[in-house]
């Protein structure tokens, strides 16, 4: 199993921006769905956004991220990106990349259920 590797997290201030990357080998078959989730202690993983093959980006409709976070993908590199703007302290958490190759992942891309592959996560901390 080729791992998913997240990068780009760190400590920033309110209002700052960050760009997270999720990389895997370009030699493996392409993923049908790739997504970002985030998690804080004691809570379930929260869907942040996804990129579905042949359909494009599917950002979260949650008021907590809508309009501030942008999903993009470099298909040739089998990579996924998350551009986060105007960060807030409540955006603090561990951000995970997830992926799956089965086309039926498109029906439930906003849940953790369809994703077979997960990265180790990257910590994002936003100070007030």
Foldseek 3Di string as FASTA:
>chain_A
DWAWAKDWADEEAQFAKIKMKIFTALPDDAFQKKFKWWDDPPDDTFGAWMQGPPPGIGGDPDPVQPPFWDKDDDRSRSMIMIIGGRDDQVVWTWMKMFTHRDNCCVVVVRDPPPTDHMHPTDTHGYHD
